[in-house]
Protein backbone atom coordinates (compact mmCIF):
# COMPACT_ATOMS: atom_id res chain seq x y z
CA MET A 1 2.24 -32.36 -25.34
CA ASN A 2 -1.55 -33.22 -24.99
CA GLY A 3 -4.07 -30.66 -24.01
CA ILE A 4 -4.22 -31.72 -20.19
CA ARG A 5 -0.43 -31.26 -19.79
CA LYS A 6 -0.60 -27.74 -21.38
CA GLY A 7 -3.44 -26.93 -18.91
CA VAL A 8 -1.69 -28.36 -15.85
CA LEU A 9 1.61 -26.42 -16.94
CA ALA A 10 -0.46 -23.20 -17.32
CA ALA A 11 -2.02 -23.55 -14.07
CA VAL A 12 1.29 -24.12 -12.28
CA ALA A 13 2.81 -21.30 -14.10
CA ALA A 14 -0.05 -18.97 -12.91
CA GLY A 15 0.08 -20.31 -9.43
CA SER A 16 3.68 -19.73 -9.06
CA LEU A 17 3.34 -16.19 -10.38
CA ALA A 18 0.52 -15.61 -7.80
CA VAL A 19 2.54 -16.71 -4.93
CA GLY A 20 5.54 -14.93 -5.99
CA ALA A 21 3.35 -11.58 -6.05
CA VAL A 22 2.03 -12.20 -2.69
CA GLY A 23 5.44 -12.74 -1.38
CA GLY A 24 6.86 -9.86 -2.90
CA ALA A 25 4.00 -7.79 -1.40
CA VAL A 26 4.53 -8.93 1.84
CA LEU A 27 8.27 -8.52 1.81
CA TYR A 28 7.83 -4.84 0.33
CA ALA A 29 5.31 -4.09 2.97
CA ALA A 30 7.66 -5.21 5.90
CA THR A 31 10.58 -3.20 4.57
CA THR A 32 8.46 -0.06 4.20
CA ILE A 33 7.18 -0.40 7.77
CA SER A 34 10.69 -0.99 9.02
CA ALA A 35 11.98 2.20 7.00
CA SER A 36 9.11 4.53 8.27
CA ALA A 37 9.82 3.26 11.86
CA ALA A 38 13.59 4.03 11.37
CA SER A 39 12.91 7.73 9.67
CA ASN A 40 10.99 8.77 12.84
CA SER A 41 14.01 9.84 14.62
CA ASN A 42 14.85 12.03 11.63
CA ALA A 43 11.64 13.88 11.86
CA THR A 44 12.12 14.25 15.51
CA LEU A 45 15.64 15.90 14.95
CA ALA A 46 14.31 18.10 12.16
CA ALA A 47 11.48 19.29 14.63
CA ALA A 48 14.09 19.89 17.51
CA ALA A 49 16.19 21.95 15.11
CA THR A 50 13.28 24.31 13.86
CA PRO A 51 12.58 26.82 16.52
CA ALA A 52 9.07 27.02 18.05
CA PRO A 53 6.93 29.85 16.98
CA THR A 54 6.60 32.54 19.41
CA ALA A 55 3.36 34.07 20.70
CA GLY A 56 2.77 37.75 19.96
CA LYS A 57 2.47 40.25 17.03
CA PHE A 58 3.39 39.25 13.45
CA VAL A 59 6.81 40.79 12.18
CA PRO A 60 6.95 41.20 8.59
CA ASN A 61 10.23 40.67 6.41
CA GLU A 62 11.05 44.07 5.37
CA THR A 63 14.37 43.26 3.37
CA ALA A 64 14.67 44.63 -0.15
CA ALA A 65 15.00 41.24 -1.74
CA HIS A 66 11.86 40.13 -0.21
CA GLU A 67 9.78 43.29 -0.90
CA ALA A 68 10.68 43.22 -4.58
CA GLY A 69 8.49 40.16 -5.38
CA GLU A 70 5.62 41.03 -2.91
CA SER A 71 2.12 41.91 -3.97
CA ALA A 72 0.35 45.00 -2.92
CA ALA A 73 -2.25 42.93 -1.16
CA ARG A 74 0.37 41.07 0.72
CA GLU A 75 2.30 44.04 1.64
CA ALA A 76 -1.09 45.80 3.00
CA GLN A 77 -1.75 42.60 5.23
CA GLU A 78 1.86 42.79 6.68
CA ASN A 79 1.50 46.68 7.24
CA ALA A 80 -1.61 45.83 9.12
CA GLY A 81 0.16 43.19 11.39
CA GLN A 82 -1.61 40.24 9.93
CA VAL A 83 -0.10 37.07 8.58
CA PRO A 84 -0.21 37.29 4.99
CA THR A 85 -2.85 34.88 3.18
CA VAL A 86 -2.20 36.05 -0.28
CA PRO A 87 0.77 35.53 -2.59
């Protein structure tokens, strides 16, 4: 093979690779958009299953299992009726 044919073959291979990459990206984007549109119904179902927060005073969890792993700062916040902000 002479140098010109090798150059043409390399250019064709590079062009084919570029076209394949662009085509793959377009197909991937289309399926991702489609999948995210379909999954919105799952998010709606999960939101419907979660009870809405009620307005009013914070009620701490005073079970023994919960209290065992709690820090003194967190317990002080709970006892003051505050939503805990420390671990």
